[in-house]
Amino acid sequence: MPKPTAMELAARFVAVLYAATNGRTGVFRRTNDCAARAGITRAADSKRAVATAEAAGLIVVRVDEPLVLLTAKGREAAQRGRPVGR
């Protein structure tokens, strides 16, 4: 099985975060919980997913704790099922 791309990992991560927050912005969730629910088991893949989603403006990462929240752009992307970054 081919290794998932950073975009694929980020899309899975954002979709799970959307489901975990019921699509609400401003609600933080634990990074590790979202990654696990998205089936992302490797720490390196989790970091890639988070970094890619953050760079695309889909999530905000807290610097003091391993927490993330969905941005309005991330919510819109998850609702429409668009690929991350487009």
N, C-alpha and C. Protein backbone atom coordinates (compact mmCIF):
# COMPACT_ATOMS: atom_id res chain seq x y z
N MET A 1 0.85 -1.17 0.00
CA MET A 1 0.00 0.00 0.00
C MET A 1 0.90 1.25 0.00
N PRO A 2 0.63 2.19 -0.89
CA PRO A 2 1.48 3.39 -0.93
C PRO A 2 1.29 4.26 0.31
N LYS A 3 2.36 4.93 0.65
CA LYS A 3 2.34 5.85 1.79
C LYS A 3 1.41 7.02 1.47
N PRO A 4 0.51 7.39 2.39
CA PRO A 4 -0.40 8.51 2.12
C PRO A 4 0.38 9.83 2.02
N THR A 5 -0.11 10.69 1.15
CA THR A 5 0.52 12.00 1.00
C THR A 5 0.16 12.88 2.20
N ALA A 6 0.89 13.96 2.35
CA ALA A 6 0.60 14.90 3.44
C ALA A 6 -0.81 15.46 3.29
N MET A 7 -1.23 15.71 2.06
CA MET A 7 -2.59 16.23 1.82
C MET A 7 -3.66 15.23 2.22
N GLU A 8 -3.43 13.96 1.92
CA GLU A 8 -4.39 12.92 2.30
C GLU A 8 -4.49 12.82 3.82
N LEU A 9 -3.35 12.84 4.48
CA LEU A 9 -3.35 12.79 5.94
C LEU A 9 -4.08 13.99 6.53
N ALA A 10 -3.79 15.18 6.00
CA ALA A 10 -4.43 16.40 6.49
C ALA A 10 -5.94 16.36 6.27
N ALA A 11 -6.37 15.87 5.13
CA ALA A 11 -7.81 15.77 4.84
C ALA A 11 -8.50 14.85 5.83
N ARG A 12 -7.89 13.72 6.12
CA ARG A 12 -8.47 12.80 7.11
C ARG A 12 -8.53 13.44 8.48
N PHE A 13 -7.45 14.13 8.85
CA PHE A 13 -7.37 14.79 10.15
C PHE A 13 -8.46 15.86 10.28
N VAL A 14 -8.61 16.69 9.26
CA VAL A 14 -9.61 17.76 9.29
C VAL A 14 -11.03 17.18 9.33
N ALA A 15 -11.26 16.12 8.59
CA ALA A 15 -12.59 15.49 8.60
C ALA A 15 -12.94 14.98 10.00
N VAL A 16 -11.97 14.39 10.67
CA VAL A 16 -12.20 13.89 12.03
C VAL A 16 -12.41 15.05 12.99
N LEU A 17 -11.62 16.08 12.86
CA LEU A 17 -11.78 17.25 13.73
C LEU A 17 -13.15 17.88 13.53
N TYR A 18 -13.60 17.93 12.29
CA TYR A 18 -14.93 18.45 11.99
C TYR A 18 -16.01 17.62 12.70
N ALA A 19 -15.89 16.31 12.61
CA ALA A 19 -16.87 15.43 13.26
C ALA A 19 -16.80 15.57 14.78
N ALA A 20 -15.59 15.66 15.32
CA ALA A 20 -15.42 15.74 16.78
C ALA A 20 -15.95 17.04 17.36
N THR A 21 -15.98 18.09 16.55
CA THR A 21 -16.46 19.40 17.03
C THR A 21 -17.85 19.73 16.52
N ASN A 22 -18.48 18.79 15.86
CA ASN A 22 -19.79 19.02 15.24
C ASN A 22 -19.75 20.22 14.31
N GLY A 23 -18.58 20.43 13.68
CA GLY A 23 -18.43 21.50 12.71
C GLY A 23 -18.31 22.90 13.28
N ARG A 24 -18.16 23.01 14.59
CA ARG A 24 -18.06 24.33 15.21
C ARG A 24 -16.63 24.82 15.23
N THR A 25 -16.43 26.08 14.92
CA THR A 25 -15.12 26.69 15.06
C THR A 25 -14.97 27.11 16.52
N GLY A 26 -13.74 27.31 16.94
CA GLY A 26 -13.49 27.77 18.31
C GLY A 26 -13.51 26.68 19.36
N VAL A 27 -13.61 25.42 18.95
CA VAL A 27 -13.64 24.30 19.89
C VAL A 27 -12.36 23.49 19.73
N PHE A 28 -11.58 23.42 20.79
CA PHE A 28 -10.32 22.68 20.74
C PHE A 28 -10.52 21.20 21.00
N ARG A 29 -9.68 20.40 20.33
CA ARG A 29 -9.62 18.95 20.56
C ARG A 29 -8.15 18.55 20.63
N ARG A 30 -7.88 17.45 21.28
CA ARG A 30 -6.51 16.96 21.41
C ARG A 30 -6.02 16.43 20.06
N THR A 31 -4.81 16.84 19.73
CA THR A 31 -4.20 16.44 18.47
C THR A 31 -4.10 14.92 18.35
N ASN A 32 -3.61 14.28 19.40
CA ASN A 32 -3.43 12.82 19.36
C ASN A 32 -4.75 12.08 19.19
N ASP A 33 -5.82 12.58 19.82
CA ASP A 33 -7.12 11.94 19.69
C ASP A 33 -7.62 12.01 18.24
N CYS A 34 -7.47 13.18 17.63
CA CYS A 34 -7.91 13.34 16.25
C CYS A 34 -7.12 12.44 15.31
N ALA A 35 -5.81 12.41 15.51
CA ALA A 35 -4.97 11.57 14.66
C ALA A 35 -5.37 10.10 14.80
N ALA A 36 -5.57 9.65 16.01
CA ALA A 36 -5.95 8.25 16.23
C ALA A 36 -7.28 7.93 15.57
N ARG A 37 -8.24 8.82 15.71
CA ARG A 37 -9.55 8.60 15.08
C ARG A 37 -9.46 8.60 13.56
N ALA A 38 -8.47 9.32 13.03
CA ALA A 38 -8.27 9.37 11.58
C ALA A 38 -7.45 8.20 11.08
N GLY A 39 -7.04 7.33 12.00
CA GLY A 39 -6.24 6.17 11.62
C GLY A 39 -4.79 6.50 11.36
N ILE A 40 -4.34 7.64 11.87
CA ILE A 40 -2.96 8.07 11.71
C ILE A 40 -2.21 7.62 12.95
N THR A 41 -1.41 6.58 12.81
CA THR A 41 -0.79 5.97 13.98
C THR A 41 0.66 6.39 14.19
N ARG A 42 1.34 6.76 13.14
CA ARG A 42 2.74 7.16 13.26
C ARG A 42 2.84 8.62 13.66
N ALA A 43 3.72 8.92 14.62
CA ALA A 43 3.90 10.30 15.08
C ALA A 43 4.34 11.21 13.94
N ALA A 44 5.21 10.73 13.07
CA ALA A 44 5.67 11.54 11.95
C ALA A 44 4.52 11.89 11.01
N ASP A 45 3.61 10.94 10.78
CA ASP A 45 2.45 11.20 9.92
C ASP A 45 1.49 12.19 10.58
N SER A 46 1.34 12.07 11.88
CA SER A 46 0.49 13.01 12.62
C SER A 46 1.04 14.44 12.49
N LYS A 47 2.35 14.57 12.66
CA LYS A 47 2.97 15.89 12.53
C LYS A 47 2.79 16.45 11.12
N ARG A 48 2.94 15.58 10.12
CA ARG A 48 2.74 16.03 8.72
C ARG A 48 1.31 16.46 8.49
N ALA A 49 0.36 15.70 9.00
CA ALA A 49 -1.05 16.05 8.82
C ALA A 49 -1.36 17.40 9.44
N VAL A 50 -0.91 17.60 10.67
CA VAL A 50 -1.17 18.84 11.38
C VAL A 50 -0.49 20.02 10.69
N ALA A 51 0.76 19.85 10.32
CA ALA A 51 1.51 20.93 9.67
C ALA A 51 0.87 21.31 8.34
N THR A 52 0.43 20.33 7.58
CA THR A 52 -0.19 20.60 6.28
C THR A 52 -1.53 21.31 6.45
N ALA A 53 -2.34 20.83 7.38
CA ALA A 53 -3.64 21.46 7.62
C ALA A 53 -3.47 22.89 8.16
N GLU A 54 -2.49 23.08 9.01
CA GLU A 54 -2.24 24.42 9.55
C GLU A 54 -1.75 25.36 8.44
N ALA A 55 -0.84 24.90 7.61
CA ALA A 55 -0.31 25.72 6.52
C ALA A 55 -1.41 26.11 5.54
N ALA A 56 -2.40 25.25 5.38
CA ALA A 56 -3.52 25.54 4.48
C ALA A 56 -4.57 26.44 5.12
N GLY A 57 -4.39 26.75 6.40
CA GLY A 57 -5.34 27.62 7.09
C GLY A 57 -6.60 26.93 7.55
N LEU A 58 -6.55 25.60 7.67
CA LEU A 58 -7.73 24.83 8.04
C LEU A 58 -7.86 24.61 9.54
N ILE A 59 -6.75 24.69 10.25
CA ILE A 59 -6.75 24.51 11.69
C ILE A 59 -5.81 25.52 12.34
N VAL A 60 -6.00 25.71 13.63
CA VAL A 60 -5.09 26.50 14.46
C VAL A 60 -4.56 25.56 15.52
N VAL A 61 -3.25 25.60 15.72
CA VAL A 61 -2.59 24.74 16.70
C VAL A 61 -2.17 25.58 17.89
N ARG A 62 -2.52 25.15 19.09
CA ARG A 62 -2.05 25.84 20.29
C ARG A 62 -0.58 25.54 20.49
N VAL A 63 0.17 26.55 20.85
CA VAL A 63 1.61 26.35 21.03
C VAL A 63 1.95 25.81 22.40
N ASP A 64 1.08 25.99 23.37
CA ASP A 64 1.38 25.58 24.74
C ASP A 64 0.83 24.20 25.10
N GLU A 65 -0.05 23.66 24.28
CA GLU A 65 -0.64 22.35 24.53
C GLU A 65 -0.89 21.66 23.20
N PRO A 66 -0.99 20.33 23.17
CA PRO A 66 -1.25 19.63 21.91
C PRO A 66 -2.74 19.66 21.55
N LEU A 67 -3.23 20.86 21.28
CA LEU A 67 -4.64 21.05 20.95
C LEU A 67 -4.77 21.75 19.60
N VAL A 68 -5.85 21.44 18.90
CA VAL A 68 -6.14 22.06 17.61
C VAL A 68 -7.60 22.49 17.57
N LEU A 69 -7.87 23.49 16.74
CA LEU A 69 -9.26 23.86 16.48
C LEU A 69 -9.44 24.10 15.01
N LEU A 70 -10.64 23.93 14.56
CA LEU A 70 -11.02 24.08 13.17
C LEU A 70 -11.26 25.55 12.88
N THR A 71 -10.74 26.05 11.78
CA THR A 71 -11.03 27.42 11.35
C THR A 71 -12.30 27.40 10.51
N ALA A 72 -12.81 28.57 10.20
CA ALA A 72 -13.99 28.65 9.32
C ALA A 72 -13.67 28.03 7.96
N LYS A 73 -12.46 28.26 7.47
CA LYS A 73 -12.02 27.67 6.20
C LYS A 73 -11.98 26.15 6.29
N GLY A 74 -11.51 25.63 7.42
CA GLY A 74 -11.47 24.19 7.62
C GLY A 74 -12.85 23.58 7.68
N ARG A 75 -13.76 24.28 8.34
CA ARG A 75 -15.15 23.80 8.42
C ARG A 75 -15.76 23.74 7.03
N GLU A 76 -15.54 24.78 6.25
CA GLU A 76 -16.08 24.82 4.89
C GLU A 76 -15.50 23.70 4.03
N ALA A 77 -14.20 23.48 4.13
CA ALA A 77 -13.57 22.41 3.36
C ALA A 77 -14.12 21.04 3.75
N ALA A 78 -14.31 20.81 5.04
CA ALA A 78 -14.84 19.53 5.50
C ALA A 78 -16.28 19.34 5.05
N GLN A 79 -17.07 20.40 5.08
CA GLN A 79 -18.47 20.30 4.67
C GLN A 79 -18.59 19.95 3.20
N ARG A 80 -17.73 20.54 2.40
CA ARG A 80 -17.81 20.32 0.96
C ARG A 80 -17.02 19.12 0.50
N GLY A 81 -16.20 18.56 1.39
CA GLY A 81 -15.40 17.42 1.04
C GLY A 81 -14.32 17.73 0.03
N ARG A 82 -13.91 19.00 0.01
CA ARG A 82 -12.86 19.41 -0.92
C ARG A 82 -11.51 18.90 -0.45
N PRO A 83 -10.62 18.66 -1.38
CA PRO A 83 -9.26 18.32 -0.99
C PRO A 83 -8.63 19.48 -0.21
N VAL A 84 -7.77 19.16 0.72
CA VAL A 84 -7.11 20.17 1.52
C VAL A 84 -6.26 21.07 0.65
N GLY A 85 -6.31 22.38 0.92
CA GLY A 85 -5.46 23.32 0.23
C GLY A 85 -6.00 23.82 -1.10
N ARG A 86 -7.19 23.43 -1.46
CA ARG A 86 -7.76 23.89 -2.73
C ARG A 86 -8.95 24.76 -2.50
